[in-house]
Every structure is written in C-alpha cells, then in structure tokens.
PDB file of N, CA and C in Angstrom:
ATOM      1  N   MET A   1     217.125 156.199  94.900  1.00  0.00           N
ATOM      2  CA  MET A   1     215.609 156.180  94.489  1.00  0.00           C
ATOM      3  C   MET A   1     214.883 155.656  96.587  1.00  0.00           C
ATOM      4  N   ARG A   2     214.355 156.998  97.021  1.00  0.00           N
ATOM      5  CA  ARG A   2     213.758 156.414  98.248  1.00  0.00           C
ATOM      6  C   ARG A   2     213.149 155.744  98.369  1.00  0.00           C
ATOM      7  N   HIS A   3     213.069 155.003  99.783  1.00  0.00           N
ATOM      8  CA  HIS A   3     212.027 153.731  99.777  1.00  0.00           C
ATOM      9  C   HIS A   3     210.330 154.122  99.738  1.00  0.00           C
ATOM     10  N   GLU A   4     210.086 155.437  99.720  1.00  0.00           N
ATOM     11  CA  GLU A   4     208.921 155.786  99.580  1.00  0.00           C
ATOM     12  C   GLU A   4     208.104 155.812  98.100  1.00  0.00           C
ATOM     13  N   GLU A   5     208.920 155.937  97.454  1.00  0.00           N
ATOM     14  CA  GLU A   5     209.572 155.868  96.036  1.00  0.00           C
ATOM     15  C   GLU A   5     209.166 154.452  95.099  1.00  0.00           C
ATOM     16  N   TYR A   6     209.782 153.416  95.872  1.00  0.00           N
ATOM     17  CA  TYR A   6     210.093 152.324  95.326  1.00  0.00           C
ATOM     18  C   TYR A   6     208.556 151.970  95.675  1.00  0.00           C
ATOM     19  N   PHE A   7     208.049 151.864  96.891  1.00  0.00           N
ATOM     20  CA  PHE A   7     206.938 151.312  97.340  1.00  0.00           C
ATOM     21  C   PHE A   7     205.617 152.136  97.060  1.00  0.00           C
ATOM     22  N   ARG A   8     205.544 153.048  96.657  1.00  0.00           N
ATOM     23  CA  ARG A   8     204.467 153.936  95.886  1.00  0.00           C
ATOM     24  C   ARG A   8     203.431 153.080  95.286  1.00  0.00           C
ATOM     25  N   PRO A   9     203.631 152.423  93.876  1.00  0.00           N
ATOM     26  CA  PRO A   9     202.551 151.945  93.127  1.00  0.00           C
ATOM     27  C   PRO A   9     201.564 150.976  93.869  1.00  0.00           C
ATOM     28  N   TYR A  10     202.437 150.113  95.631  1.00  0.00           N
ATOM     29  CA  TYR A  10     201.560 149.882  96.314  1.00  0.00           C
ATOM     30  C   TYR A  10     200.553 150.137  97.300  1.00  0.00           C
ATOM     31  N   SER A  11     199.349 149.770  97.570  1.00  0.00           N
ATOM     32  CA  SER A  11     198.538 150.281  98.233  1.00  0.00           C
ATOM     33  C   SER A  11     198.788 149.690  99.598  1.00  0.00           C
ATOM     34  N   ASP A  12     198.523 150.228 100.918  1.00  0.00           N
ATOM     35  CA  ASP A  12     198.993 149.226 102.576  1.00  0.00           C
ATOM     36  C   ASP A  12     198.437 147.954 102.249  1.00  0.00           C
ATOM     37  N   ARG A  13     197.461 147.727 101.584  1.00  0.00           N
ATOM     38  CA  ARG A  13     197.300 145.900 101.227  1.00  0.00           C
ATOM     39  C   ARG A  13     197.978 145.418 100.754  1.00  0.00           C
ATOM     40  N   GLN A  14     198.435 145.894  99.609  1.00  0.00           N
ATOM     41  CA  GLN A  14     199.305 145.249  98.842  1.00  0.00           C
ATOM     42  C   GLN A  14     200.770 145.335  99.273  1.00  0.00           C
ATOM     43  N   LEU A  15     201.208 146.225  99.602  1.00  0.00           N
ATOM     44  CA  LEU A  15     202.417 146.526 100.342  1.00  0.00           C
ATOM     45  C   LEU A  15     202.427 145.335 101.494  1.00  0.00           C
ATOM     46  N   LEU A  16     201.153 144.825 102.470  1.00  0.00           N
ATOM     47  CA  LEU A  16     201.732 144.033 103.434  1.00  0.00           C
ATOM     48  C   LEU A  16     201.735 142.509 102.692  1.00  0.00           C
ATOM     49  N   LEU A  17     200.495 142.420 101.496  1.00  0.00           N
ATOM     50  CA  LEU A  17     200.500 141.073 101.048  1.00  0.00           C
ATOM     51  C   LEU A  17     202.187 141.401 100.192  1.00  0.00           C
ATOM     52  N   HIS A  18     202.754 142.281  99.585  1.00  0.00           N
ATOM     53  CA  HIS A  18     203.982 141.720  99.030  1.00  0.00           C
ATOM     54  C   HIS A  18     205.120 141.751 100.357  1.00  0.00           C
ATOM     55  N   ILE A  19     204.972 142.008 101.387  1.00  0.00           N
ATOM     56  CA  ILE A  19     205.917 142.156 102.711  1.00  0.00           C
ATOM     57  C   ILE A  19     205.675 140.195 102.756  1.00  0.00           C
ATOM     58  N   ILE A  20     204.456 139.926 103.187  1.00  0.00           N
ATOM     59  CA  ILE A  20     204.128 138.925 103.919  1.00  0.00           C
ATOM     60  C   ILE A  20     205.089 137.299 102.601  1.00  0.00           C
ATOM     61  N   LYS A  21     204.884 137.892 101.463  1.00  0.00           N
ATOM     62  CA  LYS A  21     205.242 137.047 100.161  1.00  0.00           C
ATOM     63  C   LYS A  21     207.081 136.769 100.044  1.00  0.00           C
ATOM     64  N   GLU A  22     207.584 138.011 100.517  1.00  0.00           N
ATOM     65  CA  GLU A  22     208.908 137.762 100.976  1.00  0.00           C
ATOM     66  C   GLU A  22     209.433 137.089 101.989  1.00  0.00           C
ATOM     67  N   ILE A  23     208.864 137.342 102.717  1.00  0.00           N
ATOM     68  CA  ILE A  23     209.249 136.363 104.188  1.00  0.00           C
ATOM     69  C   ILE A  23     208.800 135.145 104.498  1.00  0.00           C
ATOM     70  N   ASN A  24     207.973 135.026 103.659  1.00  0.00           N
ATOM     71  CA  ASN A  24     207.331 133.426 103.110  1.00  0.00           C
ATOM     72  C   ASN A  24     208.866 132.893 102.432  1.00  0.00           C
ATOM     73  N   ASN A  25     208.996 133.989 101.265  1.00  0.00           N
ATOM     74  CA  ASN A  25     209.789 133.062 100.291  1.00  0.00           C
ATOM     75  C   ASN A  25     211.694 132.904 101.234  1.00  0.00           C
ATOM     76  N   MET A  26     211.962 134.195 101.989  1.00  0.00           N
ATOM     77  CA  MET A  26     212.840 134.145 102.842  1.00  0.00           C
ATOM     78  C   MET A  26     212.914 132.723 103.975  1.00  0.00           C
ATOM     79  N   SER A  27     211.548 133.000 104.353  1.00  0.00           N
ATOM     80  CA  SER A  27     211.336 131.133 105.484  1.00  0.00           C
ATOM     81  C   SER A  27     212.048 130.009 104.475  1.00  0.00           C
ATOM     82  N   THR A  28     211.128 129.829 103.439  1.00  0.00           N
ATOM     83  CA  THR A  28     211.611 128.632 102.519  1.00  0.00           C
ATOM     84  C   THR A  28     213.247 128.710 101.839  1.00  0.00           C
ATOM     85  N   ASN A  29     213.835 129.609 101.894  1.00  0.00           N
ATOM     86  CA  ASN A  29     214.651 129.886 101.327  1.00  0.00           C
ATOM     87  C   ASN A  29     215.658 129.168 102.260  1.00  0.00           C
ATOM     88  N   ILE A  30     215.627 130.050 103.718  1.00  0.00           N
ATOM     89  CA  ILE A  30     216.006 129.617 104.533  1.00  0.00           C
ATOM     90  C   ILE A  30     216.274 127.985 105.400  1.00  0.00           C
ATOM     91  N   ASN A  31     214.883 127.602 105.133  1.00  0.00           N
ATOM     92  CA  ASN A  31     214.633 125.977 105.170  1.00  0.00           C
ATOM     93  C   ASN A  31     215.323 124.855 104.320  1.00  0.00           C
ATOM     94  N   ASP A  32     215.294 125.463 103.312  1.00  0.00           N
ATOM     95  CA  ASP A  32     215.605 124.559 102.224  1.00  0.00           C
ATOM     96  C   ASP A  32     217.655 124.723 102.525  1.00  0.00           C
ATOM     97  N   ALA A  33     218.348 125.680 102.612  1.00  0.00           N
ATOM     98  CA  ALA A  33     219.251 125.752 103.102  1.00  0.00           C
ATOM     99  C   ALA A  33     219.450 124.916 104.236  1.00  0.00           C
ATOM    100  N   LEU A  34     219.031 125.301 105.205  1.00  0.00           N
ATOM    101  CA  LEU A  34     219.085 123.876 106.768  1.00  0.00           C
ATOM    102  C   LEU A  34     219.045 122.744 106.332  1.00  0.00           C
ATOM    103  N   VAL A  35     217.651 122.358 106.010  1.00  0.00           N
ATOM    104  CA  VAL A  35     217.965 120.822 104.925  1.00  0.00           C
ATOM    105  C   VAL A  35     219.345 120.508 104.174  1.00  0.00           C
ATOM    106  N   GLU A  36     219.958 121.447 103.453  1.00  0.00           N
ATOM    107  CA  GLU A  36     221.239 121.113 102.606  1.00  0.00           C
ATOM    108  C   GLU A  36     222.032 121.051 103.716  1.00  0.00           C
ATOM    109  N   LEU A  37     222.414 121.649 104.828  1.00  0.00           N
ATOM    110  CA  LEU A  37     223.204 122.071 105.661  1.00  0.00           C
ATOM    111  C   LEU A  37     223.482 120.965 106.343  1.00  0.00           C
ATOM    112  N   THR A  38     222.027 120.006 106.775  1.00  0.00           N
ATOM    113  CA  THR A  38     221.744 119.236 108.028  1.00  0.00           C
ATOM    114  C   THR A  38     222.523 118.013 107.026  1.00  0.00           C
ATOM    115  N   SER A  39     222.072 117.899 105.648  1.00  0.00           N
ATOM    116  CA  SER A  39     222.726 116.947 104.862  1.00  0.00           C
ATOM    117  C   SER A  39     223.624 116.194 104.750  1.00  0.00           C
ATOM    118  N   ALA A  40     224.335 117.331 104.670  1.00  0.00           N
ATOM    119  CA  ALA A  40     226.107 117.945 104.552  1.00  0.00           C
ATOM    120  C   ALA A  40     226.513 116.930 105.437  1.00  0.00           C
ATOM    121  N   VAL A  41     226.460 118.179 106.970  1.00  0.00           N
ATOM    122  CA  VAL A  41     226.715 117.740 108.398  1.00  0.00           C
ATOM    123  C   VAL A  41     226.720 115.926 108.713  1.00  0.00           C
ATOM    124  N   GLN A  42     225.282 115.542 108.168  1.00  0.00           N
ATOM    125  CA  GLN A  42     225.569 114.181 108.432  1.00  0.00           C
ATOM    126  C   GLN A  42     226.396 113.235 107.375  1.00  0.00           C
ATOM    127  N   ASN A  43     226.532 113.575 106.010  1.00  0.00           N
ATOM    128  CA  ASN A  43     227.614 113.227 105.692  1.00  0.00           C
ATOM    129  C   ASN A  43     229.141 112.983 105.898  1.00  0.00           C
ATOM    130  N   GLU A  44     229.279 114.444 106.197  1.00  0.00           N
ATOM    131  CA  GLU A  44     230.598 114.332 107.085  1.00  0.00           C
ATOM    132  C   GLU A  44     230.821 114.071 108.263  1.00  0.00           C
ATOM    133  N   THR A  45     230.008 113.508 109.099  1.00  0.00           N
ATOM    134  CA  THR A  45     230.312 112.772 110.477  1.00  0.00           C
ATOM    135  C   THR A  45     230.091 111.519 109.990  1.00  0.00           C
ATOM    136  N   THR A  46     229.899 110.657 109.377  1.00  0.00           N
ATOM    137  CA  THR A  46     229.414 109.559 108.249  1.00  0.00           C
ATOM    138  C   THR A  46     230.994 109.035 107.750  1.00  0.00           C
ATOM    139  N   VAL A  47     231.552 110.406 107.547  1.00  0.00           N
ATOM    140  CA  VAL A  47     233.204 109.933 106.682  1.00  0.00           C
ATOM    141  C   VAL A  47     233.925 110.062 107.696  1.00  0.00           C
ATOM    142  N   ASP A  48     233.610 110.824 109.009  1.00  0.00           N
ATOM    143  CA  ASP A  48     234.646 111.386 109.999  1.00  0.00           C
ATOM    144  C   ASP A  48     235.141 109.842 110.549  1.00  0.00           C
ATOM    145  N   GLN A  49     233.642 109.370 110.963  1.00  0.00           N
ATOM    146  CA  GLN A  49     233.616 108.184 111.888  1.00  0.00           C
ATOM    147  C   GLN A  49     234.256 106.997 110.948  1.00  0.00           C
ATOM    148  N   SER A  50     234.114 107.278 109.958  1.00  0.00           N
ATOM    149  CA  SER A  50     234.931 106.063 109.349  1.00  0.00           C
ATOM    150  C   SER A  50     236.607 106.139 108.658  1.00  0.00           C
ATOM    151  N   VAL A  51     237.126 107.391 109.029  1.00  0.00           N
ATOM    152  CA  VAL A  51     238.290 107.740 109.463  1.00  0.00           C
ATOM    153  C   VAL A  51     238.799 107.699 110.389  1.00  0.00           C
ATOM    154  N   LEU A  52     237.691 107.703 111.666  1.00  0.00           N
ATOM    155  CA  LEU A  52     238.683 107.687 112.754  1.00  0.00           C
ATOM    156  C   LEU A  52     238.808 106.095 113.058  1.00  0.00           C
ATOM    157  N   THR A  53     237.652 105.056 112.788  1.00  0.00           N
ATOM    158  CA  THR A  53     237.655 103.876 112.564  1.00  0.00           C
ATOM    159  C   THR A  53     238.397 103.366 112.172  1.00  0.00           C
ATOM    160  N   LEU A  54     239.479 103.734 110.625  1.00  0.00           N
ATOM    161  CA  LEU A  54     240.539 103.518 110.081  1.00  0.00           C
ATOM    162  C   LEU A  54     241.429 104.250 111.184  1.00  0.00           C
ATOM    163  N   ILE A  55     241.412 105.155 111.411  1.00  0.00           N
ATOM    164  CA  ILE A  55     242.812 105.231 111.929  1.00  0.00           C
ATOM    165  C   ILE A  55     243.465 104.845 113.369  1.00  0.00           C
ATOM    166  N   ASN A  56     242.289 104.657 114.091  1.00  0.00           N
ATOM    167  CA  ASN A  56     242.128 104.062 115.406  1.00  0.00           C
ATOM    168  C   ASN A  56     242.590 102.318 114.758  1.00  0.00           C
ATOM    169  N   GLY A  57     242.071 101.533 114.081  1.00  0.00           N
ATOM    170  CA  GLY A  57     241.990 100.229 114.000  1.00  0.00           C
ATOM    171  C   GLY A  57     243.582  99.953 113.247  1.00  0.00           C
ATOM    172  N   PHE A  58     244.163 100.941 112.504  1.00  0.00           N
ATOM    173  CA  PHE A  58     245.603 100.629 111.531  1.00  0.00           C
ATOM    174  C   PHE A  58     246.716  99.922 112.693  1.00  0.00           C
ATOM    175  N   PRO A  59     247.070 101.045 113.911  1.00  0.00           N
ATOM    176  CA  PRO A  59     248.149  99.923 114.543  1.00  0.00           C
ATOM    177  C   PRO A  59     247.423  99.173 115.100  1.00  0.00           C
ATOM    178  N   ALA A  60     246.409  98.298 115.600  1.00  0.00           N
ATOM    179  CA  ALA A  60     246.502  96.773 115.568  1.00  0.00           C
ATOM    180  C   ALA A  60     246.683  96.098 114.296  1.00  0.00           C
ATOM    181  N   LEU A  61     245.937  96.775 113.192  1.00  0.00           N
ATOM    182  CA  LEU A  61     246.220  95.498 111.745  1.00  0.00           C
ATOM    183  C   LEU A  61     247.956  94.875 111.590  1.00  0.00           C
ATOM    184  N   LEU A  62     248.783  96.579 111.710  1.00  0.00           N
ATOM    185  CA  LEU A  62     249.942  96.538 111.369  1.00  0.00           C
ATOM    186  C   LEU A  62     250.772  95.730 112.639  1.00  0.00           C
ATOM    187  N   ALA A  63     250.341  95.868 113.782  1.00  0.00           N
ATOM    188  CA  ALA A  63     251.103  94.727 115.235  1.00  0.00           C
ATOM    189  C   ALA A  63     250.830  93.318 114.589  1.00  0.00           C
ATOM    190  N   ASN A  64     249.342  93.593 114.549  1.00  0.00           N
ATOM    191  CA  ASN A  64     249.425  91.690 114.075  1.00  0.00           C
ATOM    192  C   ASN A  64     249.912  91.447 113.070  1.00  0.00           C
ATOM    193  N   ALA A  65     249.971  92.412 112.171  1.00  0.00           N
ATOM    194  CA  ALA A  65     250.662  92.306 110.938  1.00  0.00           C
ATOM    195  C   ALA A  65     252.630  91.798 111.046  1.00  0.00           C
ATOM    196  N   VAL A  66     253.231  92.344 111.839  1.00  0.00           N
ATOM    197  CA  VAL A  66     254.209  92.478 112.217  1.00  0.00           C
ATOM    198  C   VAL A  66     254.263  90.998 113.124  1.00  0.00           C
ATOM    199  N   ALA A  67     253.639  90.838 113.909  1.00  0.00           N
ATOM    200  CA  ALA A  67     253.427  89.879 114.927  1.00  0.00           C
ATOM    201  C   ALA A  67     253.473  88.052 113.676  1.00  0.00           C
ATOM    202  N   THR A  68     252.615  88.196 113.229  1.00  0.00           N
ATOM    203  CA  THR A  68     252.324  87.160 112.470  1.00  0.00           C
ATOM    204  C   THR A  68     253.838  86.847 111.195  1.00  0.00           C
ATOM    205  N   ALA A  69     254.352  87.838 110.864  1.00  0.00           N
ATOM    206  CA  ALA A  69     255.608  87.924 110.142  1.00  0.00           C
ATOM    207  C   ALA A  69     256.643  87.376 111.037  1.00  0.00           C
ATOM    208  N   LEU A  70     257.144  87.899 112.488  1.00  0.00           N
ATOM    209  CA  LEU A  70     257.918  87.390 113.328  1.00  0.00           C
ATOM    210  C   LEU A  70     257.994  86.338 113.461  1.00  0.00           C
ATOM    211  N   ALA A  71     256.509  85.914 113.700  1.00  0.00           N
ATOM    212  CA  ALA A  71     256.485  83.929 113.850  1.00  0.00           C
ATOM    213  C   ALA A  71     256.537  83.293 112.822  1.00  0.00           C
ATOM    214  N   ALA A  72     256.679  84.301 111.709  1.00  0.00           N
ATOM    215  CA  ALA A  72     256.552  83.134 109.968  1.00  0.00           C
ATOM    216  C   ALA A  72     258.567  83.011 109.847  1.00  0.00           C
ATOM    217  N   GLY A  73     259.094  83.763 110.737  1.00  0.00           N
ATOM    218  CA  GLY A  73     260.191  84.216 110.615  1.00  0.00           C
ATOM    219  C   GLY A  73     260.975  85.164 110.434  1.00  0.00           C
ATOM    220  N   ALA A  74     260.507  86.552 110.214  1.00  0.00           N
ATOM    221  CA  ALA A  74     261.166  87.541 110.054  1.00  0.00           C
ATOM    222  C   ALA A  74     261.961  87.640 111.093  1.00  0.00           C
ATOM    223  N   THR A  75     263.052  88.939 110.665  1.00  0.00           N
ATOM    224  CA  THR A  75     263.443  89.242 112.029  1.00  0.00           C
ATOM    225  C   THR A  75     263.218  90.330 112.039  1.00  0.00           C
ATOM    226  N   PRO A  76     263.419  91.251 113.757  1.00  0.00           N
ATOM    227  CA  PRO A  76     263.067  92.856 114.225  1.00  0.00           C
ATOM    228  C   PRO A  76     263.949  93.343 112.950  1.00  0.00           C
ATOM    229  N   ALA A  77     264.958  92.946 112.379  1.00  0.00           N
ATOM    230  CA  ALA A  77     265.259  94.229 111.648  1.00  0.00           C
ATOM    231  C   ALA A  77     264.912  94.516 110.681  1.00  0.00           C
ATOM    232  N   GLN A  78     263.696  93.069 109.753  1.00  0.00           N
ATOM    233  CA  GLN A  78     263.467  93.486 108.634  1.00  0.00           C
ATOM    234  C   GLN A  78     262.686  94.024 108.993  1.00  0.00           C
ATOM    235  N   LEU A  79     261.711  94.290 110.194  1.00  0.00           N
ATOM    236  CA  LEU A  79     260.141  94.595 110.296  1.00  0.00           C
ATOM    237  C   LEU A  79     260.263  95.945 110.769  1.00  0.00           C
ATOM    238  N   ALA A  80     261.658  96.422 111.348  1.00  0.00           N
ATOM    239  CA  ALA A  80     261.724  97.902 111.910  1.00  0.00           C
ATOM    240  C   ALA A  80     260.855  99.202 111.132  1.00  0.00           C
ATOM    241  N   ALA A  81     261.017  99.140 109.924  1.00  0.00           N
ATOM    242  CA  ALA A  81     260.777 100.170 109.152  1.00  0.00           C
ATOM    243  C   ALA A  81     258.694 100.374 109.161  1.00  0.00           C
ATOM    244  N   PHE A  82     258.299  98.997 109.619  1.00  0.00           N
ATOM    245  CA  PHE A  82     256.944  99.059 110.178  1.00  0.00           C
ATOM    246  C   PHE A  82     256.697  99.601 111.570  1.00  0.00           C
ATOM    247  N   ASP A  83     257.381  99.471 112.659  1.00  0.00           N
ATOM    248  CA  ASP A  83     257.812 100.128 113.584  1.00  0.00           C
ATOM    249  C   ASP A  83     257.792 101.295 113.348  1.00  0.00           C
ATOM    250  N   THR A  84     258.728 102.134 112.345  1.00  0.00           N
ATOM    251  CA  THR A  84     258.458 103.732 112.350  1.00  0.00           C
ATOM    252  C   THR A  84     257.006 103.809 111.657  1.00  0.00           C
ATOM    253  N   LEU A  85     256.297 103.063 110.877  1.00  0.00           N
ATOM    254  CA  LEU A  85     255.014 103.528 110.403  1.00  0.00           C
ATOM    255  C   LEU A  85     253.879 103.494 111.725  1.00  0.00           C
ATOM    256  N   ALA A  86     254.286 102.763 112.186  1.00  0.00           N
ATOM    257  CA  ALA A  86     253.277 102.957 113.069  1.00  0.00           C
ATOM    258  C   ALA A  86     253.200 103.550 114.100  1.00  0.00           C
ATOM    259  N   ASN A  87     254.964 104.404 114.542  1.00  0.00           N
ATOM    260  CA  ASN A  87     254.938 105.164 115.255  1.00  0.00           C
ATOM    261  C   ASN A  87     254.216 106.424 114.883  1.00  0.00           C
ATOM    262  N   THR A  88     254.848 106.529 113.623  1.00  0.00           N
ATOM    263  CA  THR A  88     254.640 107.820 112.031  1.00  0.00           C
ATOM    264  C   THR A  88     252.450 107.900 112.937  1.00  0.00           C
ATOM    265  N   ILE A  89     252.141 106.976 112.260  1.00  0.00           N
ATOM    266  CA  ILE A  89     250.525 106.362 112.258  1.00  0.00           C
ATOM    267  C   ILE A  89     249.858 107.280 113.883  1.00  0.00           C
ATOM    268  N   SER A  90     250.568 106.780 114.666  1.00  0.00           N
ATOM    269  CA  SER A  90     250.606 107.581 115.897  1.00  0.00           C
ATOM    270  C   SER A  90     250.735 108.303 116.438  1.00  0.00           C
ATOM    271  N   THR A  91     251.536 109.241 116.162  1.00  0.00           N
ATOM    272  CA  THR A  91     251.482 110.515 116.166  1.00  0.00           C
ATOM    273  C   THR A  91     250.969 111.190 115.527  1.00  0.00           C
ATOM    274  N   ASN A  92     250.610 111.316 114.612  1.00  0.00           N
ATOM    275  CA  ASN A  92     249.535 111.828 113.127  1.00  0.00           C
ATOM    276  C   ASN A  92     248.272 111.718 113.635  1.00  0.00           C
ATOM    277  N   ALA A  93     247.570 110.523 114.421  1.00  0.00           N
ATOM    278  CA  ALA A  93     246.201 110.471 114.969  1.00  0.00           C
ATOM    279  C   ALA A  93     246.165 111.247 115.981  1.00  0.00           C
ATOM    280  N   THR A  94     247.230 111.358 117.126  1.00  0.00           N
ATOM    281  CA  THR A  94     247.330 112.340 118.033  1.00  0.00           C
ATOM    282  C   THR A  94     247.109 113.851 117.287  1.00  0.00           C
ATOM    283  N   ASN A  95     248.295 114.283 117.340  1.00  0.00           N
ATOM    284  CA  ASN A  95     248.297 115.612 116.168  1.00  0.00           C
ATOM    285  C   ASN A  95     246.832 115.845 115.727  1.00  0.00           C
ATOM    286  N   LEU A  96     246.094 115.126 114.723  1.00  0.00           N
ATOM    287  CA  LEU A  96     244.539 115.097 113.711  1.00  0.00           C
ATOM    288  C   LEU A  96     243.890 114.955 115.321  1.00  0.00           C
ATOM    289  N   GLN A  97     243.721 114.494 116.376  1.00  0.00           N
ATOM    290  CA  GLN A  97     242.926 114.194 117.529  1.00  0.00           C
ATOM    291  C   GLN A  97     243.078 115.775 118.158  1.00  0.00           C
ATOM    292  N   ASN A  98     244.148 116.250 118.204  1.00  0.00           N
ATOM    293  CA  ASN A  98     244.317 117.496 119.235  1.00  0.00           C
ATOM    294  C   ASN A  98     244.156 118.498 117.565  1.00  0.00           C
ATOM    295  N   ALA A  99     244.693 118.452 116.949  1.00  0.00           N
ATOM    296  CA  ALA A  99     243.596 119.405 115.935  1.00  0.00           C
ATOM    297  C   ALA A  99     241.932 119.782 115.572  1.00  0.00           C
ATOM    298  N   VAL A 100     242.023 118.644 115.716  1.00  0.00           N
ATOM    299  CA  VAL A 100     240.031 118.697 115.861  1.00  0.00           C
ATOM    300  C   VAL A 100     239.754 119.072 116.721  1.00  0.00           C
ATOM    301  N   THR A 101     240.116 118.479 118.183  1.00  0.00           N
ATOM    302  CA  THR A 101     239.976 119.311 119.621  1.00  0.00           C
ATOM    303  C   THR A 101     239.869 120.986 119.689  1.00  0.00           C
ATOM    304  N   ALA A 102     241.239 121.102 119.336  1.00  0.00           N
ATOM    305  CA  ALA A 102     241.434 122.537 119.397  1.00  0.00           C
ATOM    306  C   ALA A 102     239.949 123.403 118.204  1.00  0.00           C
ATOM    307  N   SER A 103     239.638 122.959 117.481  1.00  0.00           N
ATOM    308  CA  SER A 103     239.059 123.026 116.445  1.00  0.00           C
ATOM    309  C   SER A 103     237.175 123.827 116.860  1.00  0.00           C
ATOM    310  N   THR A 104     237.266 122.726 117.527  1.00  0.00           N
ATOM    311  CA  THR A 104     236.214 122.110 118.087  1.00  0.00           C
ATOM    312  C   THR A 104     235.672 123.225 119.600  1.00  0.00           C
ATOM    313  N   ASN A 105     237.088 123.247 120.216  1.00  0.00           N
ATOM    314  CA  ASN A 105     236.700 124.666 121.304  1.00  0.00           C
ATOM    315  C   ASN A 105     236.665 125.571 120.830  1.00  0.00           C
ATOM    316  N   ALA A 106     237.460 126.105 119.696  1.00  0.00           N
ATOM    317  CA  ALA A 106     237.488 127.495 118.746  1.00  0.00           C
ATOM    318  C   ALA A 106     236.132 127.616 118.708  1.00  0.00           C
ATOM    319  N   SER A 107     235.456 126.720 117.755  1.00  0.00           N
ATOM    320  CA  SER A 107     234.319 126.750 117.742  1.00  0.00           C
ATOM    321  C   SER A 107     232.992 126.938 117.938  1.00  0.00           C
ATOM    322  N   SER A 108     233.407 126.145 119.396  1.00  0.00           N
ATOM    323  CA  SER A 108     232.739 126.620 120.709  1.00  0.00           C
ATOM    324  C   SER A 108     232.735 127.482 121.223  1.00  0.00           C
ATOM    325  N   ASN A 109     233.717 128.367 121.308  1.00  0.00           N
ATOM    326  CA  ASN A 109     233.797 129.542 121.679  1.00  0.00           C
ATOM    327  C   ASN A 109     233.539 130.644 121.787  1.00  0.00           C
ATOM    328  N   VAL A 110     233.409 131.054 119.805  1.00  0.00           N
ATOM    329  CA  VAL A 110     232.570 131.262 118.694  1.00  0.00           C
ATOM    330  C   VAL A 110     231.077 131.488 119.284  1.00  0.00           C
ATOM    331  N   ALA A 111     230.604 130.423 118.949  1.00  0.00           N
ATOM    332  CA  ALA A 111     229.366 130.372 119.130  1.00  0.00           C
ATOM    333  C   ALA A 111     228.883 130.509 120.569  1.00  0.00           C
ATOM    334  N   ASN A 112     229.216 130.698 121.083  1.00  0.00           N
ATOM    335  CA  ASN A 112     229.383 131.040 122.727  1.00  0.00           C
ATOM    336  C   ASN A 112     229.389 132.295 122.544  1.00  0.00           C
ATOM    337  N   SER A 113     230.133 133.348 122.451  1.00  0.00           N
ATOM    338  CA  SER A 113     230.469 134.393 122.525  1.00  0.00           C
ATOM    339  C   SER A 113     229.311 135.577 121.609  1.00  0.00           C
ATOM    340  N   SER A 114     229.127 134.485 120.517  1.00  0.00           N
ATOM    341  CA  SER A 114     228.116 135.435 119.364  1.00  0.00           C
ATOM    342  C   SER A 114     226.511 134.384 119.900  1.00  0.00           C
ATOM    343  N   ALA A 115     226.430 133.795 120.415  1.00  0.00           N
ATOM    344  CA  ALA A 115     225.227 133.518 121.635  1.00  0.00           C
ATOM    345  C   ALA A 115     224.922 134.677 122.722  1.00  0.00           C
ATOM    346  N   ASN A 116     226.216 135.004 123.365  1.00  0.00           N
ATOM    347  CA  ASN A 116     226.329 135.832 124.127  1.00  0.00           C
ATOM    348  C   ASN A 116     225.548 137.149 123.849  1.00  0.00           C
ATOM    349  N   THR A 117     226.610 137.673 122.574  1.00  0.00           N
ATOM    350  CA  THR A 117     226.325 139.107 121.959  1.00  0.00           C
ATOM    351  C   THR A 117     225.155 139.342 121.683  1.00  0.00           C
ATOM    352  N   ALA A 118     224.758 138.074 121.148  1.00  0.00           N
ATOM    353  CA  ALA A 118     222.727 137.941 120.744  1.00  0.00           C
ATOM    354  C   ALA A 118     221.771 138.698 121.549  1.00  0.00           C
ATOM    355  N   ASN A 119     222.436 137.899 122.760  1.00  0.00           N
ATOM    356  CA  ASN A 119     221.267 137.781 123.972  1.00  0.00           C
ATOM    357  C   ASN A 119     221.696 139.507 124.659  1.00  0.00           C
ATOM    358  N   THR A 120     222.680 139.847 124.662  1.00  0.00           N
ATOM    359  CA  THR A 120     222.699 140.712 125.294  1.00  0.00           C
ATOM    360  C   THR A 120     222.616 142.115 124.694  1.00  0.00           C
ATOM    361  N   GLY A 121     222.001 141.630 123.250  1.00  0.00           N
ATOM    362  CA  GLY A 121     222.221 143.493 122.549  1.00  0.00           C
ATOM    363  C   GLY A 121     223.232 144.013 122.275  1.00  0.00           C
ATOM    364  N   ALA A 122     224.631 143.124 122.130  1.00  0.00           N
ATOM    365  CA  ALA A 122     225.825 143.745 122.043  1.00  0.00           C
ATOM    366  C   ALA A 122     226.329 143.821 120.616  1.00  0.00           C
TER     367      ALA A 122
END
C-alpha cells in the first residue's frame, strides 16, 4: 500500500492532527523511557558505590583481623591463608577497576564518535 492510499481517508487538517497526536505519543514514550532509564542508572550507581566501598574497605578489615589474631597468639603460618586471600582480593579489585576504566573509555569513545557523526551529518 502506498502512503497516499493510507492517508486518503484523512483531510489535510485531519492528517495534520493525526501527525501531531503521533508526535505527542512518541514524546510521551521517550520521556517515560528516559525516566525509567534515569532511575535504573541511579540504582546501579548506588549498588556500584556500595560494591566499591566493600571492595576498598575489605583489605583493611582483613588486615585488622589478622593483626588481632596475631596479637592473640596466632602464628603467621596459621594466618598465611588470609594473606593469600588479601592478595587475591587486591588483584581482583585492580582487575575490576581496570575493566570499568576500559569500559568507560570505550563507551566515551563510542559516544564521542556518535556525536561527531551526528554533528557532521555523516
């Protein structure tokens, strides 16, 4: 069906009103999606901050626990597993930080590329 046939039942005024109504519907849908996305990003940010606090704070908690155990008479050999865990946590935190940084840089590059394309009309 050609577009002329689709809009034939409408007068020019009716067609214009129909188009305006559709534009308003699209605007509402976009606004609703933006509100939902904004809320999701805020929730993710809160979770991310909590995870970072945990990851960054855990090595100090572990070190304090080891120091307390040593002061209470535990031997370094008994606590060696905790050193291994602390090193693993530190390595994992570094890997996570590197992955987030790489992802952020990649996202920024894509966004900048998209913006440049939009600005140049390419």
